[in-house]
Protein backbone atom coordinates (compact mmCIF):
# COMPACT_ATOMS: atom_id res chain seq x y z
CA MET A 1 39.99 -53.34 40.67
CA LEU A 2 42.70 -55.86 41.56
CA CYS A 3 45.27 -53.63 39.86
CA TYR A 4 44.15 -50.23 41.16
CA LEU A 5 43.20 -50.72 44.83
CA PRO A 6 46.22 -52.57 46.30
CA PHE A 7 49.30 -50.72 47.61
CA LEU A 8 47.92 -47.20 47.08
CA GLY A 9 49.71 -46.03 50.21
CA ARG A 10 53.02 -47.75 49.52
CA VAL A 11 54.73 -44.55 48.35
CA HIS A 12 54.45 -41.00 49.66
CA LEU A 13 52.36 -38.45 47.79
CA PHE A 14 54.31 -36.48 45.23
CA ASP A 15 54.81 -32.73 45.11
CA TRP A 16 53.19 -30.66 43.77
CA ASP A 17 49.82 -31.89 42.60
CA GLU A 18 49.19 -34.96 44.76
CA ILE A 19 50.18 -33.25 48.01
CA ASN A 20 48.47 -30.03 46.97
CA PHE A 21 45.03 -31.65 46.62
CA ALA A 22 45.45 -33.96 49.60
CA GLU A 23 46.48 -31.02 51.76
CA SER A 24 43.39 -29.07 50.70
CA ALA A 25 41.24 -32.03 51.73
CA ARG A 26 43.09 -32.35 55.04
CA GLU A 27 42.56 -28.65 55.74
CA MET A 28 38.83 -29.04 55.06
CA LEU A 29 38.67 -31.64 57.81
CA ALA A 30 40.95 -29.70 60.16
CA SER A 31 39.12 -26.36 59.78
CA GLY A 32 35.58 -27.58 59.15
CA GLU A 33 35.43 -25.18 56.19
CA TYR A 34 33.98 -27.05 53.21
CA THR A 35 32.61 -24.19 51.11
CA TYR A 36 35.92 -23.34 49.43
CA VAL A 37 39.38 -24.81 48.88
CA GLN A 38 42.32 -23.78 51.08
CA ILE A 39 46.10 -24.14 51.18
CA ASN A 40 47.87 -23.17 54.40
CA PHE A 41 44.34 -22.23 55.52
CA GLU A 42 44.17 -19.45 52.92
CA PRO A 43 41.75 -19.44 49.94
CA PHE A 44 43.17 -21.51 47.08
CA TRP A 45 41.49 -20.27 43.94
CA GLU A 46 43.14 -22.53 41.35
CA LYS A 47 40.64 -25.41 41.64
CA PRO A 48 36.91 -25.92 42.35
CA PRO A 49 36.12 -28.23 45.26
CA LEU A 50 34.48 -31.43 43.92
CA PHE A 51 37.56 -33.66 43.89
CA ILE A 52 38.74 -32.17 47.19
CA TRP A 53 35.34 -33.01 48.70
CA ILE A 54 35.69 -36.62 47.54
CA GLN A 55 39.16 -36.89 49.06
CA ALA A 56 37.97 -35.33 52.32
CA PHE A 57 35.12 -37.86 52.46
CA PHE A 58 37.52 -40.81 52.24
CA MET A 59 39.93 -39.20 54.69
CA LYS A 60 37.02 -38.89 57.11
CA LEU A 61 36.33 -42.61 56.70
CA PHE A 62 39.86 -44.01 56.64
CA GLY A 63 42.08 -41.28 58.08
CA VAL A 64 44.42 -38.76 56.51
CA GLY A 65 47.11 -40.42 54.44
CA GLU A 66 48.26 -41.62 51.05
CA TYR A 67 45.71 -44.42 50.71
CA SER A 68 42.71 -42.17 51.35
CA SER A 69 44.13 -39.52 49.01
CA ARG A 70 44.46 -41.96 46.11
CA LEU A 71 41.40 -44.11 46.75
CA PRO A 72 39.04 -41.76 44.83
CA ASN A 73 40.99 -42.31 41.62
CA ALA A 74 41.19 -46.07 42.10
CA ILE A 75 37.40 -46.04 42.36
CA CYS A 76 37.27 -43.73 39.34
CA GLY A 77 39.34 -46.30 37.44
CA VAL A 78 36.74 -48.97 38.18
CA PHE A 79 33.88 -46.67 37.10
CA THR A 80 35.76 -45.63 33.98
CA LEU A 81 36.42 -49.17 32.79
CA LEU A 82 32.85 -50.22 33.55
CA SER A 83 31.62 -47.22 31.56
CA LEU A 84 33.81 -48.09 28.59
CA PHE A 85 32.63 -51.68 28.59
CA TRP A 86 28.97 -50.63 28.88
CA ILE A 87 29.25 -48.05 26.10
CA GLY A 88 31.28 -50.36 23.85
CA LYS A 89 28.77 -53.15 24.31
CA LYS A 90 25.80 -50.81 23.79
CA GLU A 91 27.20 -49.20 20.65
CA PHE A 92 28.76 -52.31 19.10
CA ASN A 93 29.12 -55.55 21.04
CA ALA A 94 30.65 -57.06 24.18
CA ARG A 95 33.88 -57.92 22.39
CA PHE A 96 34.44 -54.29 21.46
CA GLY A 97 33.61 -53.29 25.05
CA TRP A 98 36.26 -55.63 26.41
CA LEU A 99 38.89 -54.42 23.94
CA TRP A 100 38.19 -50.77 24.73
CA THR A 101 38.40 -51.51 28.44
CA ILE A 102 41.68 -53.38 28.12
CA ALA A 103 43.24 -50.81 25.77
CA HIS A 104 42.43 -48.00 28.20
CA GLY A 105 43.13 -49.65 31.53
CA ALA A 106 46.39 -51.38 30.61
CA SER A 107 48.12 -48.42 28.95
CA ILE A 108 50.78 -46.55 30.89
CA LEU A 109 49.33 -43.17 31.88
CA PRO A 110 45.72 -44.24 32.54
CA PHE A 111 47.06 -47.03 34.76
CA LEU A 112 49.31 -44.60 36.66
CA TYR A 113 46.62 -41.95 37.05
CA PHE A 114 44.11 -44.41 38.50
CA LYS A 115 46.66 -45.06 41.26
CA SER A 116 47.38 -41.37 41.85
CA GLY A 117 45.86 -38.53 43.85
CA ILE A 118 45.44 -35.97 41.07
CA ILE A 119 42.19 -34.46 39.78
CA ASP A 120 42.30 -35.50 36.13
CA PRO A 121 40.80 -39.04 36.15
CA TRP A 122 37.43 -37.79 37.45
CA PHE A 123 37.65 -34.64 35.36
CA ASN A 124 38.23 -36.64 32.17
CA LEU A 125 35.53 -39.17 32.97
CA PHE A 126 32.95 -36.39 33.33
CA ILE A 127 34.08 -34.75 30.07
CA PHE A 128 33.96 -38.07 28.23
CA LEU A 129 30.48 -38.89 29.49
CA GLY A 130 29.34 -35.39 28.54
CA ILE A 131 30.66 -35.91 25.00
CA TYR A 132 29.13 -39.38 24.78
CA PHE A 133 25.65 -38.29 25.83
CA GLY A 134 25.93 -35.31 23.50
CA TYR A 135 26.65 -37.79 20.72
CA ARG A 136 23.65 -39.87 21.78
CA TYR A 137 21.46 -36.78 21.74
CA LEU A 138 22.51 -35.83 18.20
CA CYS A 139 22.68 -39.27 16.61
CA LYS A 140 20.06 -41.39 18.37
CA ASP A 141 16.32 -40.94 18.54
CA ASP A 142 15.70 -42.72 21.84
CA GLY A 143 15.41 -40.74 25.09
CA LYS A 144 16.63 -37.38 23.80
CA TRP A 145 15.63 -35.51 26.95
CA LYS A 146 17.55 -38.01 29.09
CA HIS A 147 20.65 -37.64 26.93
CA VAL A 148 20.65 -33.85 27.01
CA LEU A 149 20.03 -33.93 30.77
CA LEU A 150 23.04 -36.22 31.25
CA LEU A 151 25.07 -34.08 28.84
CA GLY A 152 24.41 -31.00 30.97
CA MET A 153 24.94 -32.80 34.27
CA PHE A 154 28.29 -34.42 33.41
CA THR A 155 29.58 -31.26 31.73
CA GLY A 156 28.64 -29.36 34.88
CA LEU A 157 30.44 -31.90 37.04
CA SER A 158 33.58 -31.43 34.93
CA MET A 159 33.29 -27.69 35.59
CA LEU A 160 32.97 -28.33 39.32
CA THR A 161 35.97 -30.66 39.25
CA LYS A 162 38.58 -28.54 37.51
CA GLY A 163 37.04 -25.56 35.78
CA PRO A 164 35.94 -24.20 32.39
CA VAL A 165 38.25 -26.40 30.33
CA GLY A 166 35.72 -29.21 30.80
CA PRO A 167 32.78 -27.38 29.18
CA LEU A 168 35.21 -26.00 26.57
CA LEU A 169 36.28 -29.50 25.46
CA VAL A 170 32.71 -30.78 25.42
CA GLY A 171 31.54 -27.74 23.48
CA LEU A 172 34.37 -27.76 20.93
CA THR A 173 34.06 -31.50 20.31
CA GLY A 174 30.28 -31.41 19.96
CA GLY A 175 30.30 -28.21 17.93
CA ILE A 176 32.86 -29.40 15.39
CA PHE A 177 31.12 -32.77 15.10
CA TRP A 178 27.83 -30.96 14.42
CA LEU A 179 29.42 -28.68 11.80
CA VAL A 180 30.99 -31.62 9.97
CA ASN A 181 27.63 -33.43 9.90
CA TRP A 182 25.18 -30.52 9.67
CA LYS A 183 23.76 -31.85 6.40
CA LYS A 184 22.39 -34.83 8.30
CA GLY A 185 19.85 -32.49 9.86
CA PHE A 186 20.33 -33.28 13.54
CA SER A 187 17.23 -32.43 15.52
CA ILE A 188 18.01 -29.85 18.22
CA ARG A 189 15.01 -28.54 20.13
CA ILE A 190 14.98 -25.31 22.13
CA LYS A 191 13.43 -27.04 25.15
CA ASP A 192 16.26 -29.59 25.12
CA VAL A 193 18.88 -26.84 25.01
CA LEU A 194 17.24 -25.12 27.98
CA LEU A 195 17.07 -28.40 29.90
CA GLY A 196 20.76 -29.07 29.26
CA LEU A 197 21.74 -25.55 30.33
CA LEU A 198 19.68 -25.89 33.50
CA ALA A 199 21.38 -29.19 34.37
CA PHE A 200 24.77 -27.61 33.68
CA ALA A 201 24.01 -24.57 35.83
CA LEU A 202 22.76 -26.63 38.77
CA THR A 203 25.79 -28.96 38.82
CA GLY A 204 28.59 -26.79 37.50
CA GLY A 205 27.53 -23.37 38.66
CA PHE A 206 26.12 -23.73 42.15
CA TRP A 207 29.53 -23.56 43.89
CA PHE A 208 30.43 -20.36 42.02
CA PHE A 209 27.04 -18.89 42.91
CA LEU A 210 27.69 -19.90 46.52
CA GLN A 211 30.98 -17.98 46.50
CA ILE A 212 29.30 -14.90 45.06
CA LEU A 213 26.51 -15.05 47.65
CA ALA A 214 29.14 -15.35 50.38
CA GLY A 215 30.87 -12.22 49.07
CA ARG A 216 33.93 -14.07 47.76
CA TRP A 217 34.05 -12.34 44.39
CA ASP A 218 37.84 -12.26 44.69
CA VAL A 219 38.01 -16.09 44.76
CA VAL A 220 35.88 -16.36 41.62
CA MET A 221 37.83 -13.66 39.76
CA ASP A 222 41.23 -15.07 40.78
CA PHE A 223 40.06 -18.49 39.61
CA LEU A 224 38.97 -17.18 36.19
CA LEU A 225 42.15 -15.12 35.73
CA TYR A 226 44.24 -18.16 36.59
CA GLN A 227 42.50 -20.20 33.88
CA VAL A 228 43.27 -17.49 31.32
CA ARG A 229 46.89 -17.29 32.44
CA LEU A 230 47.39 -21.02 31.86
CA PHE A 231 46.55 -20.51 28.19
CA GLN A 232 48.77 -17.48 27.75
CA THR A 233 51.90 -18.15 29.79
CA LYS A 234 54.19 -20.98 30.79
CA ASP A 235 52.80 -21.30 34.30
CA ALA A 236 55.23 -22.43 36.99
CA GLY A 237 57.93 -22.88 34.37
CA HIS A 238 56.04 -25.67 32.61
CA GLY A 239 56.93 -24.87 29.02
CA GLY A 240 57.66 -27.13 26.09
CA PHE A 241 57.82 -27.44 22.32
CA PHE A 242 54.71 -27.49 20.12
CA GLY A 243 54.73 -31.27 19.65
CA TYR A 244 55.12 -31.99 23.38
CA HIS A 245 51.70 -33.59 23.82
CA ALA A 246 51.98 -35.69 20.65
CA VAL A 247 55.09 -37.32 22.12
CA VAL A 248 53.46 -37.67 25.55
CA LEU A 249 50.44 -39.44 24.07
CA LEU A 250 52.49 -41.75 21.84
CA VAL A 251 54.71 -42.93 24.71
CA GLY A 252 52.27 -42.47 27.59
CA LEU A 253 49.47 -44.45 25.95
CA PHE A 254 51.75 -47.37 25.10
CA PRO A 255 50.67 -49.86 23.84
CA ALA A 256 47.21 -48.51 22.84
CA SER A 257 48.75 -45.63 20.89
CA ILE A 258 50.47 -48.06 18.50
CA PHE A 259 47.14 -49.53 17.42
CA ALA A 260 45.33 -46.17 17.48
CA LEU A 261 47.76 -44.76 14.93
CA GLY A 262 46.56 -47.38 12.48
CA GLU A 263 43.00 -46.01 12.74
CA LEU A 264 43.54 -42.30 13.19
CA PHE A 265 43.95 -41.42 9.52
CA LYS A 266 41.91 -44.28 8.06
CA LYS A 267 38.53 -43.74 6.45
CA GLY A 268 35.69 -46.17 6.09
CA VAL A 269 34.59 -48.05 9.20
CA SER A 270 31.40 -49.96 9.78
CA GLU A 271 28.24 -47.86 9.64
CA GLN A 272 27.50 -48.85 13.23
CA LEU A 273 30.79 -47.32 14.39
CA SER A 274 31.17 -44.45 11.94
CA SER A 275 29.54 -41.62 13.96
CA LEU A 276 31.05 -42.67 17.27
CA SER A 277 34.43 -43.15 15.63
CA GLN A 278 34.17 -39.71 14.06
CA ILE A 279 33.37 -37.90 17.29
CA MET A 280 36.22 -39.74 19.02
CA LYS A 281 38.60 -38.52 16.31
CA VAL A 282 37.25 -34.99 16.67
CA CYS A 283 37.80 -35.20 20.43
CA PHE A 284 41.38 -36.38 19.92
CA TRP A 285 42.28 -33.55 17.55
CA VAL A 286 40.55 -30.92 19.72
CA VAL A 287 42.59 -31.98 22.77
CA LEU A 288 45.88 -32.33 20.90
CA ILE A 289 45.64 -29.04 19.00
CA LEU A 290 44.24 -27.02 21.92
CA PHE A 291 46.92 -28.07 24.40
CA SER A 292 49.68 -27.83 21.82
CA ILE A 293 48.70 -24.17 21.45
CA VAL A 294 48.46 -23.59 25.21
CA GLU A 295 51.78 -22.25 26.51
CA THR A 296 51.73 -24.27 29.75
CA LYS A 297 52.85 -27.83 28.99
CA ILE A 298 52.06 -30.41 31.67
CA VAL A 299 51.69 -34.15 31.01
CA HIS A 300 48.12 -34.51 32.23
CA TYR A 301 46.76 -31.55 30.25
CA SER A 302 46.20 -33.84 27.25
CA SER A 303 44.87 -36.72 29.34
CA MET A 304 41.34 -36.39 27.92
CA ALA A 305 42.81 -37.83 24.69
CA TYR A 306 43.21 -41.20 26.46
CA PHE A 307 39.56 -42.00 25.72
CA PRO A 308 39.64 -41.53 21.92
CA ILE A 309 43.05 -43.19 21.68
CA SER A 310 41.89 -46.31 23.51
CA PHE A 311 38.68 -46.30 21.42
CA LEU A 312 40.66 -46.18 18.18
CA ALA A 313 42.97 -48.91 19.47
CA ALA A 314 39.95 -51.14 20.15
CA GLN A 315 38.58 -50.34 16.72
CA TYR A 316 41.87 -51.40 15.15
CA LEU A 317 42.04 -54.60 17.18
CA ILE A 318 38.54 -55.65 16.18
CA THR A 319 38.89 -54.87 12.47
CA ARG A 320 42.51 -55.81 11.67
CA GLU A 321 44.19 -59.18 11.40
CA LYS A 322 47.93 -58.49 11.33
CA TRP A 323 50.75 -56.34 12.60
CA THR A 324 52.37 -53.79 10.33
CA ASN A 325 56.14 -53.42 10.29
CA TRP A 326 56.02 -49.85 11.63
CA GLN A 327 53.85 -50.97 14.56
CA LEU A 328 56.37 -53.63 15.51
CA ILE A 329 59.22 -51.12 15.25
CA ILE A 330 57.47 -48.61 17.55
CA LEU A 331 56.47 -51.43 19.91
CA LEU A 332 60.06 -52.61 20.21
CA PHE A 333 61.45 -49.10 20.53
CA ILE A 334 59.19 -47.88 23.35
CA GLY A 335 58.90 -51.24 25.11
CA SER A 336 62.67 -51.79 25.07
CA ILE A 337 63.35 -48.36 26.56
CA LEU A 338 60.92 -49.10 29.39
CA GLY A 339 62.29 -52.57 29.99
CA ILE A 340 65.96 -51.59 29.87
CA ALA A 341 65.40 -48.58 32.13
CA VAL A 342 63.85 -50.73 34.88
CA SER A 343 65.96 -53.87 34.44
CA SER A 344 69.15 -51.76 34.62
CA LEU A 345 68.37 -51.22 38.31
CA ALA A 346 70.10 -54.55 38.88
CA PHE A 347 73.33 -52.67 38.12
CA TRP A 348 72.46 -49.45 39.96
CA PRO A 349 75.40 -49.44 42.44
CA GLY A 350 77.83 -49.56 39.52
CA ILE A 351 75.87 -46.99 37.52
CA GLN A 352 75.73 -44.69 40.54
CA THR A 353 79.49 -44.95 41.11
CA TYR A 354 80.22 -44.33 37.44
CA LEU A 355 78.03 -41.22 37.33
CA LEU A 356 79.55 -39.78 40.48
CA GLU A 357 83.14 -40.41 39.35
CA ASN A 358 82.95 -39.65 35.64
CA VAL A 359 80.10 -37.23 35.01
CA SER A 360 80.40 -33.56 35.87
CA ILE A 361 77.19 -32.59 37.65
CA LYS A 362 77.15 -28.85 38.29
CA ASP A 363 73.88 -28.70 40.19
CA SER A 364 74.79 -29.36 43.83
CA PHE A 365 71.25 -30.50 44.70
CA ALA A 366 71.21 -33.07 41.88
CA LEU A 367 74.68 -34.26 42.87
CA GLU A 368 73.69 -34.84 46.50
CA ALA A 369 70.42 -36.48 45.45
CA LEU A 370 72.39 -38.87 43.27
CA LYS A 371 74.37 -39.93 46.34
CA THR A 372 71.19 -41.18 48.04
CA GLU A 373 71.71 -44.63 49.50
CA ILE A 374 69.08 -47.07 48.29
CA HIS A 375 68.88 -50.56 49.74
CA TRP A 376 67.50 -52.64 46.91
CA GLY A 377 65.74 -55.89 47.65
CA GLY A 378 67.21 -57.62 44.60
CA TYR A 379 63.91 -58.08 42.78
CA GLU A 380 63.22 -54.55 41.52
CA PHE A 381 64.64 -55.25 38.06
CA TRP A 382 62.16 -58.06 37.33
CA PRO A 383 59.38 -55.86 35.87
CA GLY A 384 61.84 -54.75 33.20
CA ILE A 385 62.81 -58.34 32.44
CA ILE A 386 59.14 -59.31 32.18
CA ILE A 387 58.32 -56.67 29.57
CA LEU A 388 61.48 -57.44 27.57
CA LEU A 389 60.64 -61.15 27.49
CA GLY A 390 57.07 -60.23 26.57
CA LEU A 391 58.29 -58.21 23.60
CA VAL A 392 60.35 -61.17 22.40
CA PHE A 393 57.31 -63.43 22.66
CA VAL A 394 55.08 -60.96 20.80
CA ILE A 395 57.58 -60.69 17.94
CA TRP A 396 57.90 -64.47 17.83
CA LYS A 397 54.11 -64.87 17.67
CA ARG A 398 53.49 -61.81 15.47
CA ASN A 399 51.69 -63.91 12.85
CA TYR A 400 49.08 -64.75 15.49
CA PHE A 401 47.74 -61.21 15.71
CA PHE A 402 44.77 -61.93 17.94
CA GLN A 403 46.84 -63.56 20.68
CA SER A 404 49.97 -61.39 20.48
CA SER A 405 48.15 -58.04 20.31
CA ARG A 406 46.07 -58.83 23.40
CA LEU A 407 49.06 -60.30 25.21
CA ILE A 408 51.05 -57.07 25.09
CA PHE A 409 48.38 -55.30 27.16
CA GLY A 410 48.49 -57.99 29.83
CA ILE A 411 52.29 -57.87 29.96
CA ASN A 412 52.23 -54.07 30.21
CA ALA A 413 49.71 -54.17 33.08
CA VAL A 414 51.93 -56.59 35.03
CA PHE A 415 54.97 -54.42 34.28
CA LEU A 416 53.23 -51.28 35.52
CA PHE A 417 51.80 -52.89 38.66
CA LEU A 418 55.14 -54.36 39.74
CA THR A 419 57.06 -51.20 38.88
CA LEU A 420 54.72 -49.06 40.98
CA THR A 421 54.86 -51.57 43.83
CA TRP A 422 58.59 -52.35 43.88
CA VAL A 423 60.50 -49.61 42.07
CA VAL A 424 58.74 -46.27 42.59
CA PRO A 425 58.96 -46.37 46.44
CA GLN A 426 62.73 -46.67 46.09
CA VAL A 427 63.14 -44.06 43.37
CA GLU A 428 61.00 -41.59 45.34
CA LYS A 429 63.75 -41.39 47.93
CA PHE A 430 65.93 -39.56 45.41
CA SER A 431 63.43 -36.76 44.92
CA GLN A 432 61.64 -35.92 48.18
CA GLY A 433 62.19 -38.66 50.72
CA ALA A 434 64.51 -36.64 52.99
CA ALA A 435 62.18 -33.63 53.14
CA ILE A 436 59.14 -35.77 53.95
CA GLU A 437 61.08 -37.62 56.64
CA PHE A 438 62.11 -34.34 58.28
CA PHE A 439 58.67 -32.71 58.34
CA GLU A 440 56.98 -35.92 59.50
CA SER A 441 59.30 -35.90 62.51
CA LYS A 442 58.04 -32.41 63.48
CA ALA A 443 54.31 -33.13 63.05
CA GLN A 444 53.63 -33.40 66.79
CA GLU A 445 55.71 -30.38 67.82
CA ASP A 446 54.33 -26.88 68.39
CA CYS A 447 56.34 -25.06 65.77
CA TYR A 448 56.34 -23.41 62.36
CA LEU A 449 57.30 -25.41 59.28
CA VAL A 450 58.44 -23.91 56.00
CA SER A 451 60.29 -24.71 52.80
CA PHE A 452 62.53 -21.92 51.55
CA ASN A 453 63.79 -21.17 48.02
CA TYR A 454 61.69 -23.96 46.55
CA LYS A 455 57.94 -24.51 46.32
CA SER A 456 56.56 -27.43 48.29
CA TYR A 457 53.38 -28.55 50.00
CA VAL A 458 55.28 -31.18 52.01
CA PRO A 459 55.56 -29.06 55.22
CA TYR A 460 51.78 -28.58 55.36
CA PHE A 461 50.64 -32.14 54.71
CA TYR A 462 53.37 -34.21 56.32
CA GLY A 463 53.97 -31.67 59.09
CA LYS A 464 50.20 -31.62 59.79
CA VAL A 465 50.14 -27.83 60.11
CA PRO A 466 47.12 -26.93 62.30
CA PRO A 467 44.54 -24.21 61.60
CA GLY A 468 44.46 -20.99 63.54
CA GLN A 469 48.04 -19.80 63.08
CA SER A 470 48.56 -16.05 62.86
CA GLN A 471 48.51 -14.33 59.50
CA GLU A 472 52.09 -13.14 59.87
CA SER A 473 53.29 -16.71 60.45
CA LYS A 474 52.21 -17.54 56.87
CA ASP A 475 54.78 -15.07 55.53
CA LYS A 476 58.08 -16.81 54.76
CA PHE A 477 60.03 -13.59 55.23
CA TRP A 478 58.59 -13.20 58.75
CA LEU A 479 59.49 -16.81 59.60
CA LEU A 480 63.06 -16.14 58.49
CA MET A 481 63.57 -12.62 59.88
CA GLY A 482 60.61 -11.68 62.12
CA GLU A 483 60.00 -11.82 65.88
CA ILE A 484 58.84 -15.44 66.10
CA ASP A 485 57.11 -16.90 69.14
CA LYS A 486 58.04 -20.57 68.66
CA PRO A 487 60.64 -22.59 66.75
CA VAL A 488 60.76 -22.44 62.98
CA TYR A 489 61.97 -25.53 61.17
CA LEU A 490 63.17 -24.66 57.71
CA SER A 491 64.04 -26.82 54.71
CA SER A 492 65.97 -25.65 51.69
CA LYS A 493 68.32 -27.00 49.04
CA ILE A 494 72.02 -27.38 49.63
CA LYS A 495 73.03 -24.69 47.12
CA TYR A 496 71.35 -22.06 49.33
CA LYS A 497 73.06 -23.06 52.56
CA ASP A 498 75.73 -20.33 52.76
CA ARG A 499 73.37 -17.62 51.56
CA LEU A 500 70.71 -18.44 54.17
CA MET A 501 73.19 -18.51 57.04
CA GLU A 502 74.63 -15.21 55.85
CA VAL A 503 71.21 -13.54 55.66
CA GLN A 504 70.03 -14.96 58.99
CA PRO A 505 72.87 -15.85 61.42
CA GLU A 506 70.29 -17.02 63.96
CA LEU A 507 69.67 -20.15 61.91
CA GLU A 508 71.02 -23.31 63.50
CA TYR A 509 72.07 -25.87 60.92
CA LEU A 510 70.71 -29.31 61.81
CA TYR A 511 71.82 -31.60 59.00
CA GLY A 512 71.72 -32.21 55.27
CA LYS A 513 70.45 -35.23 53.40
CA ASN A 514 69.98 -36.11 49.72
CA GLY A 515 70.41 -32.52 48.58
CA PHE A 516 68.12 -30.99 51.24
CA ILE A 517 69.36 -28.98 54.23
CA PHE A 518 67.45 -28.41 57.44
CA PHE A 519 67.62 -25.58 59.99
CA VAL A 520 65.89 -24.48 63.16
CA ARG A 521 65.40 -20.88 64.23
CA ASN A 522 64.44 -20.53 67.87
CA PRO A 523 62.66 -17.50 69.36
CA LYS A 524 64.92 -15.19 71.34
CA LYS A 525 63.09 -15.78 74.60
CA ALA A 526 63.92 -19.49 74.39
CA ARG A 527 67.65 -18.91 74.13
């Protein structure tokens, strides 16, 4: 809690995902329409509403902004770690619960996601709990009806959070686990199956039924077609090589991934852990293989694998007594890259000058972004120094496996917290700071706001676009060329400057900053 809750609003929300979801929540509050998700006050069929509802709830309590948008995931982080400790203690002992909690919470991507405003932390928690209670139903004799009820409920909540991938992962993991162990004669009763399906339908299906009853068949069909397209095409240009997610998980789950590798291919664990360990391995391979096949490659697609990886890391830490040479090599390699990358910020002015004078950068937007003036406080490089010194200490104390293996998680947590607090707010200025600054300045003006030649949700959220604008005003071509009734403020990238002014001579160039250019187009009657 001390790591996740502080400084959530220190940096602006990031395009696309963070601003996308936060804007949908803001539009729920602004329009009073809570039955479906909107963007620019038009139906947004890519996501179900549960996470957006949670964000809207906190925005209602604390106001629209970065803190309220990210607070749901900080709370999810607390619930997730408590769940891991409770399950670890219940299935093995308190020591295992602590190790699982630490391995999960202090690794890179889980830590970052619990301080973000994206859907996946809640989505993954629901999937994990669905898998866990499915495991309890198959392997334990106590409270079977409760376990299948919770299985259906949490699987349904995953459906309501992000869509059919949740039930797919629960079903594939449970189905493969059952096939591998079918000789054990798991008891599956028809009445339990019906109870689980009922719980799933009530939690996961009611919103879809609500859309159908309201006559919004198009929203449901567009949603389903979008899910299929993600599997078949490289959506939004997010492609990658087959092993993309293997690399993401190895680096992104540092340092838990280093220990998990030692358990992933090993056979023979304690009888108490064997079934749970097996279903965690099945879950890992299902996620890795499925999303390696999927054409769209986005970092968080494989984020459900964080749970089995941290479990396997805890299993290694509780059953092993020494480092292996390959673990130390990977530890040094990944940790050093992280540390050097951040600590090198101490020399950023020189690095920036060198890049501008000696490296040929053909992309004009990237070149102008690189020229961004950053006023460093002089302490931003310290997180990198901390992790580098920590690596040295771990290598020095490598013969004391218990102390050194636990220490690296603590060092990594400190590194991540300080980097997010000190470094990311500065680095963000390179990517979107100028655009956010511009649209924030127009939030109180009666005008139209639009980004042109690049996709962005910044104008809507930071420009606080109100509901009730005409349908034609949502057409970018009309805003550029049509008979407008109030000023249009337009943002684009510097490489499109000449082309835009050629196509529409009425545009008045305001200024350019960090690769972005800004125009105003006034209605004729105002001239």
